[in-house]
Amino acid sequence: MAEEVKKKRDRGLWFREMKSELKKVVWPDRKTVAKNTGTVLLCSLMIGACIWIFDYVAVSAVQMLISVLG
C-alpha cells in the first residue's frame, strides 16, 4: 500500500516537473515552422532522387553484366 502511494507521488511530481519544463520552451512561430518544413521536404526529395538514380544505374549495370556474361 505504501509503495502505491509513493508511486503516485512520484508520478505526480514527474508530471509537475514536465509541465514546468514545457513552460520554459520557446516555441517557433508559424513562419519558422513553414520554412523548416519546406527545407525538410526539399532535402527528402533530393535524397530520394539520389537513391532512385543510384538504384537505376545499379540495376542497369547488373542487367548489362548478365547480358554480356549470360
PDB file of N, CA and C in Angstrom:
ATOM      1  N   MET A   1       0.829  -1.192   0.000  1.00  0.00           N
ATOM      2  CA  MET A   1       0.000   0.000   0.000  1.00  0.00           C
ATOM      3  C   MET A   1       0.869   1.250   0.000  1.00  0.00           C
ATOM      4  N   ALA A   2       1.920   1.263   0.807  1.00  0.00           N
ATOM      5  CA  ALA A   2       2.798   2.431   0.894  1.00  0.00           C
ATOM      6  C   ALA A   2       3.533   2.647  -0.417  1.00  0.00           C
ATOM      7  N   GLU A   3       3.863   1.552  -1.117  1.00  0.00           N
ATOM      8  CA  GLU A   3       4.551   1.682  -2.405  1.00  0.00           C
ATOM      9  C   GLU A   3       3.653   2.332  -3.440  1.00  0.00           C
ATOM     10  N   GLU A   4       2.364   1.998  -3.430  1.00  0.00           N
ATOM     11  CA  GLU A   4       1.424   2.583  -4.381  1.00  0.00           C
ATOM     12  C   GLU A   4       1.302   4.088  -4.169  1.00  0.00           C
ATOM     13  N   VAL A   5       1.251   4.512  -2.924  1.00  0.00           N
ATOM     14  CA  VAL A   5       1.169   5.938  -2.618  1.00  0.00           C
ATOM     15  C   VAL A   5       2.433   6.642  -3.089  1.00  0.00           C
ATOM     16  N   LYS A   6       3.589   5.998  -2.852  1.00  0.00           N
ATOM     17  CA  LYS A   6       4.860   6.595  -3.275  1.00  0.00           C
ATOM     18  C   LYS A   6       4.929   6.694  -4.795  1.00  0.00           C
ATOM     19  N   LYS A   7       4.468   5.656  -5.505  1.00  0.00           N
ATOM     20  CA  LYS A   7       4.474   5.678  -6.964  1.00  0.00           C
ATOM     21  C   LYS A   7       3.580   6.802  -7.487  1.00  0.00           C
ATOM     22  N   LYS A   8       2.420   6.981  -6.861  1.00  0.00           N
ATOM     23  CA  LYS A   8       1.515   8.050  -7.284  1.00  0.00           C
ATOM     24  C   LYS A   8       2.144   9.416  -7.046  1.00  0.00           C
ATOM     25  N   ARG A   9       2.846   9.578  -5.923  1.00  0.00           N
ATOM     26  CA  ARG A   9       3.529  10.838  -5.643  1.00  0.00           C
ATOM     27  C   ARG A   9       4.632  11.089  -6.668  1.00  0.00           C
ATOM     28  N   ASP A  10       5.409  10.034  -6.958  1.00  0.00           N
ATOM     29  CA  ASP A  10       6.491  10.163  -7.936  1.00  0.00           C
ATOM     30  C   ASP A  10       5.926  10.527  -9.310  1.00  0.00           C
ATOM     31  N   ARG A  11       4.833   9.897  -9.669  1.00  0.00           N
ATOM     32  CA  ARG A  11       4.206  10.178 -10.959  1.00  0.00           C
ATOM     33  C   ARG A  11       3.703  11.609 -11.003  1.00  0.00           C
ATOM     34  N   GLY A  12       3.076  12.047  -9.927  1.00  0.00           N
ATOM     35  CA  GLY A  12       2.585  13.423  -9.862  1.00  0.00           C
ATOM     36  C   GLY A  12       3.719  14.427  -9.917  1.00  0.00           C
ATOM     37  N   LEU A  13       4.808  14.138  -9.231  1.00  0.00           N
ATOM     38  CA  LEU A  13       5.988  15.008  -9.261  1.00  0.00           C
ATOM     39  C   LEU A  13       6.555  15.078 -10.668  1.00  0.00           C
ATOM     40  N   TRP A  14       6.616  13.925 -11.332  1.00  0.00           N
ATOM     41  CA  TRP A  14       7.146  13.892 -12.689  1.00  0.00           C
ATOM     42  C   TRP A  14       6.313  14.768 -13.614  1.00  0.00           C
ATOM     43  N   PHE A  15       4.983  14.672 -13.529  1.00  0.00           N
ATOM     44  CA  PHE A  15       4.111  15.482 -14.385  1.00  0.00           C
ATOM     45  C   PHE A  15       4.245  16.973 -14.065  1.00  0.00           C
ATOM     46  N   ARG A  16       4.369  17.324 -12.797  1.00  0.00           N
ATOM     47  CA  ARG A  16       4.551  18.739 -12.430  1.00  0.00           C
ATOM     48  C   ARG A  16       5.855  19.283 -12.982  1.00  0.00           C
ATOM     49  N   GLU A  17       6.918  18.483 -12.865  1.00  0.00           N
ATOM     50  CA  GLU A  17       8.214  18.914 -13.393  1.00  0.00           C
ATOM     51  C   GLU A  17       8.170  19.034 -14.914  1.00  0.00           C
ATOM     52  N   MET A  18       7.505  18.092 -15.559  1.00  0.00           N
ATOM     53  CA  MET A  18       7.386  18.143 -17.015  1.00  0.00           C
ATOM     54  C   MET A  18       6.631  19.391 -17.441  1.00  0.00           C
ATOM     55  N   LYS A  19       5.561  19.717 -16.751  1.00  0.00           N
ATOM     56  CA  LYS A  19       4.774  20.896 -17.072  1.00  0.00           C
ATOM     57  C   LYS A  19       5.607  22.164 -16.895  1.00  0.00           C
ATOM     58  N   SER A  20       6.386  22.237 -15.841  1.00  0.00           N
ATOM     59  CA  SER A  20       7.209  23.426 -15.618  1.00  0.00           C
ATOM     60  C   SER A  20       8.312  23.536 -16.669  1.00  0.00           C
ATOM     61  N   GLU A  21       8.859  22.417 -17.120  1.00  0.00           N
ATOM     62  CA  GLU A  21       9.883  22.456 -18.162  1.00  0.00           C
ATOM     63  C   GLU A  21       9.280  22.867 -19.504  1.00  0.00           C
ATOM     64  N   LEU A  22       8.074  22.399 -19.808  1.00  0.00           N
ATOM     65  CA  LEU A  22       7.434  22.767 -21.069  1.00  0.00           C
ATOM     66  C   LEU A  22       7.092  24.251 -21.118  1.00  0.00           C
ATOM     67  N   LYS A  23       6.897  24.874 -19.975  1.00  0.00           N
ATOM     68  CA  LYS A  23       6.644  26.309 -19.944  1.00  0.00           C
ATOM     69  C   LYS A  23       7.888  27.100 -20.332  1.00  0.00           C
ATOM     70  N   LYS A  24       9.070  26.498 -20.154  1.00  0.00           N
ATOM     71  CA  LYS A  24      10.326  27.174 -20.473  1.00  0.00           C
ATOM     72  C   LYS A  24      10.677  27.097 -21.959  1.00  0.00           C
ATOM     73  N   VAL A  25      10.001  26.219 -22.699  1.00  0.00           N
ATOM     74  CA  VAL A  25      10.320  26.020 -24.112  1.00  0.00           C
ATOM     75  C   VAL A  25       9.917  27.246 -24.912  1.00  0.00           C
ATOM     76  N   VAL A  26      10.804  27.671 -25.811  1.00  0.00           N
ATOM     77  CA  VAL A  26      10.486  28.772 -26.719  1.00  0.00           C
ATOM     78  C   VAL A  26      10.015  28.134 -28.021  1.00  0.00           C
ATOM     79  N   TRP A  27       8.715  28.189 -28.274  1.00  0.00           N
ATOM     80  CA  TRP A  27       8.135  27.543 -29.441  1.00  0.00           C
ATOM     81  C   TRP A  27       8.323  28.433 -30.668  1.00  0.00           C
ATOM     82  N   PRO A  28       8.636  27.856 -31.837  1.00  0.00           N
ATOM     83  CA  PRO A  28       8.835  28.662 -33.038  1.00  0.00           C
ATOM     84  C   PRO A  28       7.513  29.217 -33.562  1.00  0.00           C
ATOM     85  N   ASP A  29       7.619  30.323 -34.302  1.00  0.00           N
ATOM     86  CA  ASP A  29       6.410  30.903 -34.889  1.00  0.00           C
ATOM     87  C   ASP A  29       6.057  30.163 -36.189  1.00  0.00           C
ATOM     88  N   ARG A  30       4.915  30.499 -36.753  1.00  0.00           N
ATOM     89  CA  ARG A  30       4.393  29.811 -37.927  1.00  0.00           C
ATOM     90  C   ARG A  30       5.351  29.927 -39.125  1.00  0.00           C
ATOM     91  N   LYS A  31       5.966  31.088 -39.297  1.00  0.00           N
ATOM     92  CA  LYS A  31       6.858  31.309 -40.433  1.00  0.00           C
ATOM     93  C   LYS A  31       8.087  30.396 -40.339  1.00  0.00           C
ATOM     94  N   THR A  32       8.650  30.274 -39.161  1.00  0.00           N
ATOM     95  CA  THR A  32       9.819  29.412 -38.963  1.00  0.00           C
ATOM     96  C   THR A  32       9.467  27.949 -39.192  1.00  0.00           C
ATOM     97  N   VAL A  33       8.307  27.529 -38.712  1.00  0.00           N
ATOM     98  CA  VAL A  33       7.877  26.144 -38.898  1.00  0.00           C
ATOM     99  C   VAL A  33       7.685  25.846 -40.386  1.00  0.00           C
ATOM    100  N   ALA A  34       7.070  26.773 -41.113  1.00  0.00           N
ATOM    101  CA  ALA A  34       6.848  26.571 -42.549  1.00  0.00           C
ATOM    102  C   ALA A  34       8.179  26.496 -43.294  1.00  0.00           C
ATOM    103  N   LYS A  35       9.113  27.364 -42.939  1.00  0.00           N
ATOM    104  CA  LYS A  35      10.431  27.371 -43.583  1.00  0.00           C
ATOM    105  C   LYS A  35      11.174  26.066 -43.317  1.00  0.00           C
ATOM    106  N   ASN A  36      11.173  25.616 -42.075  1.00  0.00           N
ATOM    107  CA  ASN A  36      11.851  24.371 -41.723  1.00  0.00           C
ATOM    108  C   ASN A  36      11.191  23.160 -42.380  1.00  0.00           C
ATOM    109  N   THR A  37       9.861  23.176 -42.465  1.00  0.00           N
ATOM    110  CA  THR A  37       9.144  22.086 -43.115  1.00  0.00           C
ATOM    111  C   THR A  37       9.508  22.017 -44.589  1.00  0.00           C
ATOM    112  N   GLY A  38       9.572  23.177 -45.248  1.00  0.00           N
ATOM    113  CA  GLY A  38       9.970  23.215 -46.657  1.00  0.00           C
ATOM    114  C   GLY A  38      11.375  22.690 -46.862  1.00  0.00           C
ATOM    115  N   THR A  39      12.273  23.045 -45.970  1.00  0.00           N
ATOM    116  CA  THR A  39      13.652  22.570 -46.062  1.00  0.00           C
ATOM    117  C   THR A  39      13.713  21.055 -45.920  1.00  0.00           C
ATOM    118  N   VAL A  40      12.990  20.515 -44.968  1.00  0.00           N
ATOM    119  CA  VAL A  40      12.979  19.057 -44.758  1.00  0.00           C
ATOM    120  C   VAL A  40      12.398  18.353 -45.978  1.00  0.00           C
ATOM    121  N   LEU A  41      11.308  18.864 -46.528  1.00  0.00           N
ATOM    122  CA  LEU A  41      10.699  18.236 -47.705  1.00  0.00           C
ATOM    123  C   LEU A  41      11.642  18.279 -48.907  1.00  0.00           C
ATOM    124  N   LEU A  42      12.294  19.421 -49.124  1.00  0.00           N
ATOM    125  CA  LEU A  42      13.221  19.552 -50.244  1.00  0.00           C
ATOM    126  C   LEU A  42      14.396  18.593 -50.093  1.00  0.00           C
ATOM    127  N   CYS A  43      14.965  18.525 -48.907  1.00  0.00           N
ATOM    128  CA  CYS A  43      16.088  17.598 -48.669  1.00  0.00           C
ATOM    129  C   CYS A  43      15.648  16.148 -48.844  1.00  0.00           C
ATOM    130  N   SER A  44      14.458  15.816 -48.391  1.00  0.00           N
ATOM    131  CA  SER A  44      13.949  14.447 -48.547  1.00  0.00           C
ATOM    132  C   SER A  44      13.778  14.096 -50.019  1.00  0.00           C
ATOM    133  N   LEU A  45      13.257  15.036 -50.805  1.00  0.00           N
ATOM    134  CA  LEU A  45      13.095  14.791 -52.239  1.00  0.00           C
ATOM    135  C   LEU A  45      14.445  14.630 -52.930  1.00  0.00           C
ATOM    136  N   MET A  46      15.414  15.447 -52.551  1.00  0.00           N
ATOM    137  CA  MET A  46      16.751  15.348 -53.161  1.00  0.00           C
ATOM    138  C   MET A  46      17.414  14.013 -52.828  1.00  0.00           C
ATOM    139  N   ILE A  47      17.319  13.600 -51.581  1.00  0.00           N
ATOM    140  CA  ILE A  47      17.913  12.318 -51.187  1.00  0.00           C
ATOM    141  C   ILE A  47      17.186  11.164 -51.879  1.00  0.00           C
ATOM    142  N   GLY A  48      15.864  11.256 -51.962  1.00  0.00           N
ATOM    143  CA  GLY A  48      15.088  10.231 -52.668  1.00  0.00           C
ATOM    144  C   GLY A  48      15.480  10.143 -54.134  1.00  0.00           C
ATOM    145  N   ALA A  49      15.700  11.300 -54.779  1.00  0.00           N
ATOM    146  CA  ALA A  49      16.117  11.306 -56.185  1.00  0.00           C
ATOM    147  C   ALA A  49      17.502  10.672 -56.334  1.00  0.00           C
ATOM    148  N   CYS A  50      18.418  10.971 -55.427  1.00  0.00           N
ATOM    149  CA  CYS A  50      19.756  10.372 -55.478  1.00  0.00           C
ATOM    150  C   CYS A  50      19.679   8.859 -55.333  1.00  0.00           C
ATOM    151  N   ILE A  51      18.866   8.386 -54.415  1.00  0.00           N
ATOM    152  CA  ILE A  51      18.710   6.934 -54.217  1.00  0.00           C
ATOM    153  C   ILE A  51      18.092   6.306 -55.462  1.00  0.00           C
ATOM    154  N   TRP A  52      17.092   6.970 -56.032  1.00  0.00           N
ATOM    155  CA  TRP A  52      16.435   6.442 -57.234  1.00  0.00           C
ATOM    156  C   TRP A  52      17.425   6.356 -58.392  1.00  0.00           C
ATOM    157  N   ILE A  53      18.250   7.384 -58.595  1.00  0.00           N
ATOM    158  CA  ILE A  53      19.245   7.388 -59.669  1.00  0.00           C
ATOM    159  C   ILE A  53      20.275   6.281 -59.431  1.00  0.00           C
ATOM    160  N   PHE A  54      20.770   6.162 -58.210  1.00  0.00           N
ATOM    161  CA  PHE A  54      21.744   5.115 -57.906  1.00  0.00           C
ATOM    162  C   PHE A  54      21.145   3.732 -58.163  1.00  0.00           C
ATOM    163  N   ASP A  55      19.906   3.531 -57.765  1.00  0.00           N
ATOM    164  CA  ASP A  55      19.244   2.244 -57.969  1.00  0.00           C
ATOM    165  C   ASP A  55      19.101   1.953 -59.457  1.00  0.00           C
ATOM    166  N   TYR A  56      18.711   2.943 -60.230  1.00  0.00           N
ATOM    167  CA  TYR A  56      18.542   2.770 -61.682  1.00  0.00           C
ATOM    168  C   TYR A  56      19.867   2.395 -62.336  1.00  0.00           C
ATOM    169  N   VAL A  57      20.940   3.100 -61.953  1.00  0.00           N
ATOM    170  CA  VAL A  57      22.269   2.808 -62.514  1.00  0.00           C
ATOM    171  C   VAL A  57      22.721   1.411 -62.093  1.00  0.00           C
ATOM    172  N   ALA A  58      22.517   1.044 -60.847  1.00  0.00           N
ATOM    173  CA  ALA A  58      22.932  -0.275 -60.363  1.00  0.00           C
ATOM    174  C   ALA A  58      22.178  -1.390 -61.078  1.00  0.00           C
ATOM    175  N   VAL A  59      20.873  -1.238 -61.243  1.00  0.00           N
ATOM    176  CA  VAL A  59      20.076  -2.259 -61.933  1.00  0.00           C
ATOM    177  C   VAL A  59      20.505  -2.362 -63.391  1.00  0.00           C
ATOM    178  N   SER A  60      20.739  -1.222 -64.017  1.00  0.00           N
ATOM    179  CA  SER A  60      21.182  -1.242 -65.420  1.00  0.00           C
ATOM    180  C   SER A  60      22.539  -1.925 -65.553  1.00  0.00           C
ATOM    181  N   ALA A  61      23.452  -1.665 -64.624  1.00  0.00           N
ATOM    182  CA  ALA A  61      24.773  -2.290 -64.669  1.00  0.00           C
ATOM    183  C   ALA A  61      24.669  -3.802 -64.485  1.00  0.00           C
ATOM    184  N   VAL A  62      23.842  -4.224 -63.558  1.00  0.00           N
ATOM    185  CA  VAL A  62      23.681  -5.672 -63.323  1.00  0.00           C
ATOM    186  C   VAL A  62      23.050  -6.333 -64.546  1.00  0.00           C
ATOM    187  N   GLN A  63      22.052  -5.697 -65.137  1.00  0.00           N
ATOM    188  CA  GLN A  63      21.425  -6.261 -66.330  1.00  0.00           C
ATOM    189  C   GLN A  63      22.413  -6.330 -67.490  1.00  0.00           C
ATOM    190  N   MET A  64      23.273  -5.327 -67.636  1.00  0.00           N
ATOM    191  CA  MET A  64      24.270  -5.334 -68.689  1.00  0.00           C
ATOM    192  C   MET A  64      25.283  -6.474 -68.458  1.00  0.00           C
ATOM    193  N   LEU A  65      25.716  -6.647 -67.209  1.00  0.00           N
ATOM    194  CA  LEU A  65      26.633  -7.739 -66.903  1.00  0.00           C
ATOM    195  C   LEU A  65      26.009  -9.097 -67.180  1.00  0.00           C
ATOM    196  N   ILE A  66      24.755  -9.246 -66.841  1.00  0.00           N
ATOM    197  CA  ILE A  66      24.065 -10.519 -67.081  1.00  0.00           C
ATOM    198  C   ILE A  66      23.957 -10.776 -68.565  1.00  0.00           C
ATOM    199  N   SER A  67      23.640  -9.738 -69.353  1.00  0.00           N
ATOM    200  CA  SER A  67      23.505  -9.933 -70.798  1.00  0.00           C
ATOM    201  C   SER A  67      24.851 -10.228 -71.463  1.00  0.00           C
ATOM    202  N   VAL A  68      25.938  -9.628 -70.950  1.00  0.00           N
ATOM    203  CA  VAL A  68      27.263  -9.856 -71.529  1.00  0.00           C
ATOM    204  C   VAL A  68      27.788 -11.234 -71.133  1.00  0.00           C
ATOM    205  N   LEU A  69      27.628 -11.591 -69.865  1.00  0.00           N
ATOM    206  CA  LEU A  69      28.181 -12.845 -69.372  1.00  0.00           C
ATOM    207  C   LEU A  69      27.219 -14.033 -69.523  1.00  0.00           C
ATOM    208  N   GLY A  70      25.968 -13.734 -69.656  1.00  0.00           N
ATOM    209  CA  GLY A  70      24.988 -14.808 -69.639  1.00  0.00           C
ATOM    210  C   GLY A  70      24.678 -15.362 -70.955  1.00  0.00           C
TER     211      GLY A  70
END
